[in-house]
Amino acid sequence: AKDDTVVGENAKKAVAEMKDGEIVVLENTRFRGAEE
């Protein structure tokens, strides 16, 4: 899920479309800086 906010629209869409047994990899959590 290429998504600079880590949990933005791309990530939400990828997770929503997942089937059981599949994997979504989120972008680097440190892209959120001090929030992480």
PDB file of all heavy atoms in Angstrom:
ATOM      1  N   ALA A   1       0.852  -1.195   0.000  1.00  0.00           N
ATOM      2  CA  ALA A   1       0.000   0.000   0.000  1.00  0.00           C
ATOM      3  C   ALA A   1       0.885   1.241   0.000  1.00  0.00           C
ATOM      4  O   ALA A   1       1.232   1.777   1.045  1.00  0.00           O
ATOM      5  CB  ALA A   1      -0.920  -0.002   1.224  1.00  0.00           C
ATOM      6  N   LYS A   2       1.286   1.674  -1.197  1.00  0.00           N
ATOM      7  CA  LYS A   2       2.122   2.874  -1.318  1.00  0.00           C
ATOM      8  C   LYS A   2       1.300   4.060  -0.869  1.00  0.00           C
ATOM      9  O   LYS A   2       0.308   4.421  -1.501  1.00  0.00           O
ATOM     10  CB  LYS A   2       2.556   3.032  -2.786  1.00  0.00           C
ATOM     11  CG  LYS A   2       3.373   4.290  -3.077  1.00  0.00           C
ATOM     12  CD  LYS A   2       4.740   4.209  -2.431  1.00  0.00           C
ATOM     13  CE  LYS A   2       5.500   5.517  -2.582  1.00  0.00           C
ATOM     14  NZ  LYS A   2       6.497   5.721  -1.545  1.00  0.00           N
ATOM     15  N   ASP A   3       1.669   4.639   0.285  1.00  0.00           N
ATOM     16  CA  ASP A   3       0.830   5.682   0.872  1.00  0.00           C
ATOM     17  C   ASP A   3       1.689   6.474   1.844  1.00  0.00           C
ATOM     18  O   ASP A   3       2.054   5.973   2.908  1.00  0.00           O
ATOM     19  CB  ASP A   3      -0.343   5.025   1.618  1.00  0.00           C
ATOM     20  CG  ASP A   3      -1.451   5.999   1.936  1.00  0.00           C
ATOM     21  OD1 ASP A   3      -1.139   7.106   2.400  1.00  0.00           O
ATOM     22  OD2 ASP A   3      -2.626   5.651   1.716  1.00  0.00           O
ATOM     23  N   ASP A   4       2.025   7.697   1.482  1.00  0.00           N
ATOM     24  CA  ASP A   4       2.942   8.495   2.303  1.00  0.00           C
ATOM     25  C   ASP A   4       2.404   8.791   3.696  1.00  0.00           C
ATOM     26  O   ASP A   4       3.170   9.065   4.615  1.00  0.00           O
ATOM     27  CB  ASP A   4       3.304   9.807   1.595  1.00  0.00           C
ATOM     28  CG  ASP A   4       4.291   9.578   0.451  1.00  0.00           C
ATOM     29  OD1 ASP A   4       4.816   8.447   0.350  1.00  0.00           O
ATOM     30  OD2 ASP A   4       4.528  10.516  -0.333  1.00  0.00           O
ATOM     31  N   THR A   5       1.075   8.728   3.858  1.00  0.00           N
ATOM     32  CA  THR A   5       0.520   8.940   5.200  1.00  0.00           C
ATOM     33  C   THR A   5       0.391   7.611   5.949  1.00  0.00           C
ATOM     34  O   THR A   5      -0.111   7.579   7.059  1.00  0.00           O
ATOM     35  CB  THR A   5      -0.870   9.615   5.132  1.00  0.00           C
ATOM     36  OG1 THR A   5      -1.790   8.697   4.536  1.00  0.00           O
ATOM     37  CG2 THR A   5      -0.833  10.902   4.344  1.00  0.00           C
ATOM     38  N   VAL A   6       0.825   6.555   5.342  1.00  0.00           N
ATOM     39  CA  VAL A   6       0.820   5.183   5.891  1.00  0.00           C
ATOM     40  C   VAL A   6      -0.588   4.582   5.934  1.00  0.00           C
ATOM     41  O   VAL A   6      -0.800   3.437   5.556  1.00  0.00           O
ATOM     42  CB  VAL A   6       1.484   5.112   7.301  1.00  0.00           C
ATOM     43  CG1 VAL A   6       1.595   3.670   7.787  1.00  0.00           C
ATOM     44  CG2 VAL A   6       2.855   5.772   7.294  1.00  0.00           C
ATOM     45  N   VAL A   7      -1.559   5.381   6.393  1.00  0.00           N
ATOM     46  CA  VAL A   7      -2.919   4.848   6.601  1.00  0.00           C
ATOM     47  C   VAL A   7      -3.965   5.619   5.786  1.00  0.00           C
ATOM     48  O   VAL A   7      -5.136   5.663   6.159  1.00  0.00           O
ATOM     49  CB  VAL A   7      -3.295   4.897   8.103  1.00  0.00           C
ATOM     50  CG1 VAL A   7      -2.504   3.880   8.898  1.00  0.00           C
ATOM     51  CG2 VAL A   7      -3.057   6.288   8.669  1.00  0.00           C
ATOM     52  N   GLY A   8      -3.535   6.222   4.670  1.00  0.00           N
ATOM     53  CA  GLY A   8      -4.450   7.032   3.848  1.00  0.00           C
ATOM     54  C   GLY A   8      -5.321   6.206   2.917  1.00  0.00           C
ATOM     55  O   GLY A   8      -5.533   5.001   3.132  1.00  0.00           O
ATOM     56  N   GLU A   9      -5.810   6.850   1.851  1.00  0.00           N
ATOM     57  CA  GLU A   9      -6.790   6.211   0.963  1.00  0.00           C
ATOM     58  C   GLU A   9      -6.271   4.923   0.316  1.00  0.00           C
ATOM     59  O   GLU A   9      -6.989   3.931   0.222  1.00  0.00           O
ATOM     60  CB  GLU A   9      -7.240   7.209  -0.128  1.00  0.00           C
ATOM     61  CG  GLU A   9      -8.080   8.371   0.398  1.00  0.00           C
ATOM     62  CD  GLU A   9      -9.201   7.915   1.335  1.00  0.00           C
ATOM     63  OE1 GLU A   9      -9.957   6.976   0.968  1.00  0.00           O
ATOM     64  OE2 GLU A   9      -9.326   8.480   2.442  1.00  0.00           O
ATOM     65  N   ASN A  10      -5.014   4.926  -0.124  1.00  0.00           N
ATOM     66  CA  ASN A  10      -4.444   3.718  -0.754  1.00  0.00           C
ATOM     67  C   ASN A  10      -4.448   2.534   0.212  1.00  0.00           C
ATOM     68  O   ASN A  10      -4.786   1.414  -0.150  1.00  0.00           O
ATOM     69  CB  ASN A  10      -2.997   3.976  -1.211  1.00  0.00           C
ATOM     70  CG  ASN A  10      -2.952   4.547  -2.606  1.00  0.00           C
ATOM     71  OD1 ASN A  10      -3.990   4.768  -3.227  1.00  0.00           O
ATOM     72  ND2 ASN A  10      -1.752   4.788  -3.101  1.00  0.00           N
ATOM     73  N   ALA A  11      -4.035   2.831   1.451  1.00  0.00           N
ATOM     74  CA  ALA A  11      -3.986   1.775   2.467  1.00  0.00           C
ATOM     75  C   ALA A  11      -5.394   1.271   2.783  1.00  0.00           C
ATOM     76  O   ALA A  11      -5.637   0.058   2.846  1.00  0.00           O
ATOM     77  CB  ALA A  11      -3.301   2.291   3.733  1.00  0.00           C
ATOM     78  N   LYS A  12      -6.325   2.196   2.957  1.00  0.00           N
ATOM     79  CA  LYS A  12      -7.710   1.812   3.285  1.00  0.00           C
ATOM     80  C   LYS A  12      -8.320   0.962   2.173  1.00  0.00           C
ATOM     81  O   LYS A  12      -8.992  -0.042   2.440  1.00  0.00           O
ATOM     82  CB  LYS A  12      -8.562   3.066   3.527  1.00  0.00           C
ATOM     83  CG  LYS A  12      -8.257   3.749   4.853  1.00  0.00           C
ATOM     84  CD  LYS A  12      -9.008   5.069   4.976  1.00  0.00           C
ATOM     85  CE  LYS A  12      -8.588   5.798   6.262  1.00  0.00           C
ATOM     86  NZ  LYS A  12      -9.029   7.178   6.272  1.00  0.00           N
ATOM     87  N   LYS A  13      -8.064   1.358   0.930  1.00  0.00           N
ATOM     88  CA  LYS A  13      -8.603   0.623  -0.221  1.00  0.00           C
ATOM     89  C   LYS A  13      -8.001  -0.791  -0.275  1.00  0.00           C
ATOM     90  O   LYS A  13      -8.712  -1.781  -0.460  1.00  0.00           O
ATOM     91  CB  LYS A  13      -8.284   1.397  -1.507  1.00  0.00           C
ATOM     92  CG  LYS A  13      -8.847   0.798  -2.792  1.00  0.00           C
ATOM     93  CD  LYS A  13      -8.632   1.770  -3.963  1.00  0.00           C
ATOM     94  CE  LYS A  13      -9.266   1.248  -5.243  1.00  0.00           C
ATOM     95  NZ  LYS A  13      -8.540   0.143  -5.847  1.00  0.00           N
ATOM     96  N   ALA A  14      -6.669  -0.868  -0.085  1.00  0.00           N
ATOM     97  CA  ALA A  14      -5.990  -2.177  -0.143  1.00  0.00           C
ATOM     98  C   ALA A  14      -6.525  -3.121   0.927  1.00  0.00           C
ATOM     99  O   ALA A  14      -6.787  -4.302   0.663  1.00  0.00           O
ATOM    100  CB  ALA A  14      -4.482  -1.989   0.026  1.00  0.00           C
ATOM    101  N   VAL A  15      -6.725  -2.590   2.129  1.00  0.00           N
ATOM    102  CA  VAL A  15      -7.228  -3.424   3.234  1.00  0.00           C
ATOM    103  C   VAL A  15      -8.683  -3.821   2.989  1.00  0.00           C
ATOM    104  O   VAL A  15      -9.076  -4.967   3.217  1.00  0.00           O
ATOM    105  CB  VAL A  15      -7.061  -2.690   4.594  1.00  0.00           C
ATOM    106  CG1 VAL A  15      -7.740  -3.478   5.720  1.00  0.00           C
ATOM    107  CG2 VAL A  15      -5.576  -2.486   4.917  1.00  0.00           C
ATOM    108  N   ALA A  16      -9.479  -2.887   2.485  1.00  0.00           N
ATOM    109  CA  ALA A  16     -10.906  -3.168   2.232  1.00  0.00           C
ATOM    110  C   ALA A  16     -11.084  -4.276   1.193  1.00  0.00           C
ATOM    111  O   ALA A  16     -12.047  -5.047   1.247  1.00  0.00           O
ATOM    112  CB  ALA A  16     -11.613  -1.891   1.767  1.00  0.00           C
ATOM    113  N   GLU A  17     -10.156  -4.363   0.247  1.00  0.00           N
ATOM    114  CA  GLU A  17     -10.290  -5.348  -0.844  1.00  0.00           C
ATOM    115  C   GLU A  17      -9.624  -6.697  -0.546  1.00  0.00           C
ATOM    116  O   GLU A  17      -9.656  -7.609  -1.372  1.00  0.00           O
ATOM    117  CB  GLU A  17      -9.693  -4.741  -2.133  1.00  0.00           C
ATOM    118  CG  GLU A  17     -10.528  -3.583  -2.663  1.00  0.00           C
ATOM    119  CD  GLU A  17      -9.853  -2.852  -3.826  1.00  0.00           C
ATOM    120  OE1 GLU A  17      -8.707  -3.227  -4.193  1.00  0.00           O
ATOM    121  OE2 GLU A  17     -10.467  -1.903  -4.351  1.00  0.00           O
ATOM    122  N   MET A  18      -9.011  -6.815   0.639  1.00  0.00           N
ATOM    123  CA  MET A  18      -8.310  -8.065   0.986  1.00  0.00           C
ATOM    124  C   MET A  18      -9.267  -9.238   1.134  1.00  0.00           C
ATOM    125  O   MET A  18     -10.389  -9.089   1.595  1.00  0.00           O
ATOM    126  CB  MET A  18      -7.620  -7.924   2.350  1.00  0.00           C
ATOM    127  CG  MET A  18      -6.425  -7.063   2.396  1.00  0.00           C
ATOM    128  SD  MET A  18      -5.866  -6.935   4.122  1.00  0.00           S
ATOM    129  CE  MET A  18      -4.734  -8.304   4.189  1.00  0.00           C
ATOM    130  N   LYS A  19      -8.752 -10.410   0.785  1.00  0.00           N
ATOM    131  CA  LYS A  19      -9.467 -11.656   1.090  1.00  0.00           C
ATOM    132  C   LYS A  19      -8.741 -12.340   2.257  1.00  0.00           C
ATOM    133  O   LYS A  19      -7.575 -12.044   2.524  1.00  0.00           O
ATOM    134  CB  LYS A  19      -9.475 -12.577  -0.129  1.00  0.00           C
ATOM    135  CG  LYS A  19     -10.282 -12.021  -1.309  1.00  0.00           C
ATOM    136  CD  LYS A  19     -10.312 -13.015  -2.459  1.00  0.00           C
ATOM    137  CE  LYS A  19     -11.217 -12.532  -3.581  1.00  0.00           C
ATOM    138  NZ  LYS A  19     -10.722 -11.286  -4.209  1.00  0.00           N
ATOM    139  N   ASP A  20      -9.440 -13.269   2.914  1.00  0.00           N
ATOM    140  CA  ASP A  20      -8.815 -14.017   4.017  1.00  0.00           C
ATOM    141  C   ASP A  20      -7.517 -14.665   3.526  1.00  0.00           C
ATOM    142  O   ASP A  20      -7.472 -15.227   2.422  1.00  0.00           O
ATOM    143  CB  ASP A  20      -9.757 -15.112   4.533  1.00  0.00           C
ATOM    144  CG  ASP A  20     -10.990 -14.538   5.218  1.00  0.00           C
ATOM    145  OD1 ASP A  20     -11.077 -13.295   5.322  1.00  0.00           O
ATOM    146  OD2 ASP A  20     -11.858 -15.328   5.642  1.00  0.00           O
ATOM    147  N   GLY A  21      -6.485 -14.591   4.360  1.00  0.00           N
ATOM    148  CA  GLY A  21      -5.210 -15.227   4.023  1.00  0.00           C
ATOM    149  C   GLY A  21      -4.289 -14.371   3.178  1.00  0.00           C
ATOM    150  O   GLY A  21      -3.190 -14.805   2.821  1.00  0.00           O
ATOM    151  N   GLU A  22      -4.716 -13.141   2.866  1.00  0.00           N
ATOM    152  CA  GLU A  22      -3.860 -12.249   2.073  1.00  0.00           C
ATOM    153  C   GLU A  22      -3.127 -11.256   2.978  1.00  0.00           C
ATOM    154  O   GLU A  22      -3.446 -11.115   4.166  1.00  0.00           O
ATOM    155  CB  GLU A  22      -4.697 -11.509   1.008  1.00  0.00           C
ATOM    156  CG  GLU A  22      -5.202 -12.446  -0.076  1.00  0.00           C
ATOM    157  CD  GLU A  22      -5.971 -11.732  -1.180  1.00  0.00           C
ATOM    158  OE1 GLU A  22      -6.315 -10.534  -1.037  1.00  0.00           O
ATOM    159  OE2 GLU A  22      -6.252 -12.405  -2.190  1.00  0.00           O
ATOM    160  N   ILE A  23      -2.152 -10.557   2.380  1.00  0.00           N
ATOM    161  CA  ILE A  23      -1.277  -9.658   3.147  1.00  0.00           C
ATOM    162  C   ILE A  23      -1.243  -8.281   2.494  1.00  0.00           C
ATOM    163  O   ILE A  23      -1.084  -8.164   1.281  1.00  0.00           O
ATOM    164  CB  ILE A  23       0.168 -10.217   3.207  1.00  0.00           C
ATOM    165  CG1 ILE A  23       0.204 -11.602   3.879  1.00  0.00           C
ATOM    166  CG2 ILE A  23       1.110  -9.253   3.921  1.00  0.00           C
ATOM    167  CD1 ILE A  23       1.520 -12.360   3.677  1.00  0.00           C
ATOM    168  N   VAL A  24      -1.362  -7.249   3.329  1.00  0.00           N
ATOM    169  CA  VAL A  24      -1.086  -5.878   2.894  1.00  0.00           C
ATOM    170  C   VAL A  24       0.102  -5.369   3.700  1.00  0.00           C
ATOM    171  O   VAL A  24       0.136  -5.517   4.929  1.00  0.00           O
ATOM    172  CB  VAL A  24      -2.309  -4.949   3.102  1.00  0.00           C
ATOM    173  CG1 VAL A  24      -1.904  -3.474   3.002  1.00  0.00           C
ATOM    174  CG2 VAL A  24      -3.397  -5.244   2.079  1.00  0.00           C
ATOM    175  N   VAL A  25       1.095  -4.802   3.019  1.00  0.00           N
ATOM    176  CA  VAL A  25       2.238  -4.181   3.691  1.00  0.00           C
ATOM    177  C   VAL A  25       2.060  -2.671   3.623  1.00  0.00           C
ATOM    178  O   VAL A  25       1.929  -2.099   2.541  1.00  0.00           O
ATOM    179  CB  VAL A  25       3.577  -4.577   3.025  1.00  0.00           C
ATOM    180  CG1 VAL A  25       4.754  -3.921   3.749  1.00  0.00           C
ATOM    181  CG2 VAL A  25       3.747  -6.096   3.008  1.00  0.00           C
ATOM    182  N   LEU A  26       2.041  -2.028   4.796  1.00  0.00           N
ATOM    183  CA  LEU A  26       1.900  -0.575   4.850  1.00  0.00           C
ATOM    184  C   LEU A  26       3.250   0.100   4.615  1.00  0.00           C
ATOM    185  O   LEU A  26       4.306  -0.521   4.758  1.00  0.00           O
ATOM    186  CB  LEU A  26       1.349  -0.144   6.218  1.00  0.00           C
ATOM    187  CG  LEU A  26      -0.017  -0.704   6.630  1.00  0.00           C
ATOM    188  CD1 LEU A  26      -0.389  -0.186   8.015  1.00  0.00           C
ATOM    189  CD2 LEU A  26      -1.097  -0.335   5.610  1.00  0.00           C
ATOM    190  N   GLU A  27       3.206   1.383   4.297  1.00  0.00           N
ATOM    191  CA  GLU A  27       4.433   2.155   4.103  1.00  0.00           C
ATOM    192  C   GLU A  27       5.099   2.417   5.459  1.00  0.00           C
ATOM    193  O   GLU A  27       4.484   2.244   6.525  1.00  0.00           O
ATOM    194  CB  GLU A  27       4.080   3.466   3.368  1.00  0.00           C
ATOM    195  CG  GLU A  27       5.246   4.306   2.886  1.00  0.00           C
ATOM    196  CD  GLU A  27       6.321   3.546   2.084  1.00  0.00           C
ATOM    197  OE1 GLU A  27       7.122   2.836   2.716  1.00  0.00           O
ATOM    198  OE2 GLU A  27       6.377   3.701   0.855  1.00  0.00           O
ATOM    199  N   ASN A  28       6.360   2.785   5.421  1.00  0.00           N
ATOM    200  CA  ASN A  28       7.212   3.063   6.588  1.00  0.00           C
ATOM    201  C   ASN A  28       6.498   3.920   7.648  1.00  0.00           C
ATOM    202  O   ASN A  28       6.146   5.075   7.395  1.00  0.00           O
ATOM    203  CB  ASN A  28       8.461   3.799   6.077  1.00  0.00           C
ATOM    204  CG  ASN A  28       9.529   3.967   7.130  1.00  0.00           C
ATOM    205  OD1 ASN A  28       9.286   3.812   8.311  1.00  0.00           O
ATOM    206  ND2 ASN A  28      10.728   4.300   6.668  1.00  0.00           N
ATOM    207  N   THR A  29       6.311   3.357   8.842  1.00  0.00           N
ATOM    208  CA  THR A  29       5.595   4.092   9.906  1.00  0.00           C
ATOM    209  C   THR A  29       6.295   5.396  10.273  1.00  0.00           C
ATOM    210  O   THR A  29       5.658   6.334  10.738  1.00  0.00           O
ATOM    211  CB  THR A  29       5.455   3.224  11.177  1.00  0.00           C
ATOM    212  OG1 THR A  29       6.751   2.767  11.583  1.00  0.00           O
ATOM    213  CG2 THR A  29       4.545   2.037  10.953  1.00  0.00           C
ATOM    214  N   ARG A  30       7.606   5.460  10.034  1.00  0.00           N
ATOM    215  CA  ARG A  30       8.331   6.693  10.393  1.00  0.00           C
ATOM    216  C   ARG A  30       8.120   7.819   9.386  1.00  0.00           C
ATOM    217  O   ARG A  30       8.611   8.921   9.597  1.00  0.00           O
ATOM    218  CB  ARG A  30       9.819   6.407  10.584  1.00  0.00           C
ATOM    219  CG  ARG A  30      10.059   5.593  11.838  1.00  0.00           C
ATOM    220  CD  ARG A  30      11.426   5.796  12.407  1.00  0.00           C
ATOM    221  NE  ARG A  30      11.587   4.955  13.588  1.00  0.00           N
ATOM    222  CZ  ARG A  30      12.742   4.514  14.035  1.00  0.00           C
ATOM    223  NH1 ARG A  30      13.860   4.825  13.411  1.00  0.00           N
ATOM    224  NH2 ARG A  30      12.814   3.758  15.127  1.00  0.00           N
ATOM    225  N   PHE A  31       7.374   7.536   8.322  1.00  0.00           N
ATOM    226  CA  PHE A  31       6.962   8.628   7.437  1.00  0.00           C
ATOM    227  C   PHE A  31       6.026   9.582   8.191  1.00  0.00           C
ATOM    228  O   PHE A  31       5.792  10.700   7.740  1.00  0.00           O
ATOM    229  CB  PHE A  31       6.268   8.093   6.172  1.00  0.00           C
ATOM    230  CG  PHE A  31       7.228   7.564   5.125  1.00  0.00           C
ATOM    231  CD1 PHE A  31       8.594   7.489   5.373  1.00  0.00           C
ATOM    232  CD2 PHE A  31       6.769   7.143   3.888  1.00  0.00           C
ATOM    233  CE1 PHE A  31       9.481   7.015   4.404  1.00  0.00           C
ATOM    234  CE2 PHE A  31       7.643   6.669   2.906  1.00  0.00           C
ATOM    235  CZ  PHE A  31       9.003   6.604   3.162  1.00  0.00           C
ATOM    236  N   ARG A  32       5.507   9.134   9.314  1.00  0.00           N
ATOM    237  CA  ARG A  32       4.659   9.990  10.150  1.00  0.00           C
ATOM    238  C   ARG A  32       5.472  10.717  11.229  1.00  0.00           C
ATOM    239  O   ARG A  32       4.898  11.370  12.105  1.00  0.00           O
ATOM    240  CB  ARG A  32       3.532   9.165  10.777  1.00  0.00           C
ATOM    241  CG  ARG A  32       2.505   8.658   9.779  1.00  0.00           C
ATOM    242  CD  ARG A  32       1.649   9.766   9.180  1.00  0.00           C
ATOM    243  NE  ARG A  32       0.695  10.327  10.129  1.00  0.00           N
ATOM    244  CZ  ARG A  32      -0.571   9.966  10.224  1.00  0.00           C
ATOM    245  NH1 ARG A  32      -1.069   9.042   9.395  1.00  0.00           N
ATOM    246  NH2 ARG A  32      -1.363  10.515  11.115  1.00  0.00           N
ATOM    247  N   GLY A  33       6.803  10.599  11.160  1.00  0.00           N
ATOM    248  CA  GLY A  33       7.695  11.371  12.034  1.00  0.00           C
ATOM    249  C   GLY A  33       7.394  11.210  13.505  1.00  0.00           C
ATOM    250  O   GLY A  33       7.246  10.106  14.020  1.00  0.00           O
ATOM    251  N   ALA A  34       7.270  12.351  14.200  1.00  0.00           N
ATOM    252  CA  ALA A  34       7.079  12.352  15.655  1.00  0.00           C
ATOM    253  C   ALA A  34       5.763  11.695  16.071  1.00  0.00           C
ATOM    254  O   ALA A  34       5.645  11.207  17.191  1.00  0.00           O
ATOM    255  CB  ALA A  34       7.140  13.779  16.191  1.00  0.00           C
ATOM    256  N   GLU A  35       4.773  11.680  15.166  1.00  0.00           N
ATOM    257  CA  GLU A  35       3.512  10.999  15.510  1.00  0.00           C
ATOM    258  C   GLU A  35       3.779   9.528  15.822  1.00  0.00           C
ATOM    259  O   GLU A  35       3.133   8.937  16.675  1.00  0.00           O
ATOM    260  CB  GLU A  35       2.510  11.099  14.356  1.00  0.00           C
ATOM    261  CG  GLU A  35       1.990  12.496  14.106  1.00  0.00           C
ATOM    262  CD  GLU A  35       1.033  12.493  12.933  1.00  0.00           C
ATOM    263  OE1 GLU A  35       1.514  12.585  11.779  1.00  0.00           O
ATOM    264  OE2 GLU A  35      -0.182  12.379  13.167  1.00  0.00           O
ATOM    265  N   GLU A  36       4.750   8.928  15.100  1.00  0.00           N
ATOM    266  CA  GLU A  36       5.147   7.546  15.369  1.00  0.00           C
ATOM    267  C   GLU A  36       6.072   7.484  16.575  1.00  0.00           C
ATOM    268  O   GLU A  36       5.802   6.779  17.545  1.00  0.00           O
ATOM    269  CB  GLU A  36       5.823   6.956  14.120  1.00  0.00           C
ATOM    270  CG  GLU A  36       6.716   5.746  14.361  1.00  0.00           C
ATOM    271  CD  GLU A  36       5.993   4.440  14.680  1.00  0.00           C
ATOM    272  OE1 GLU A  36       4.890   4.454  15.264  1.00  0.00           O
ATOM    273  OE2 GLU A  36       6.552   3.385  14.390  1.00  0.00           O
TER     274      GLU A  36
END
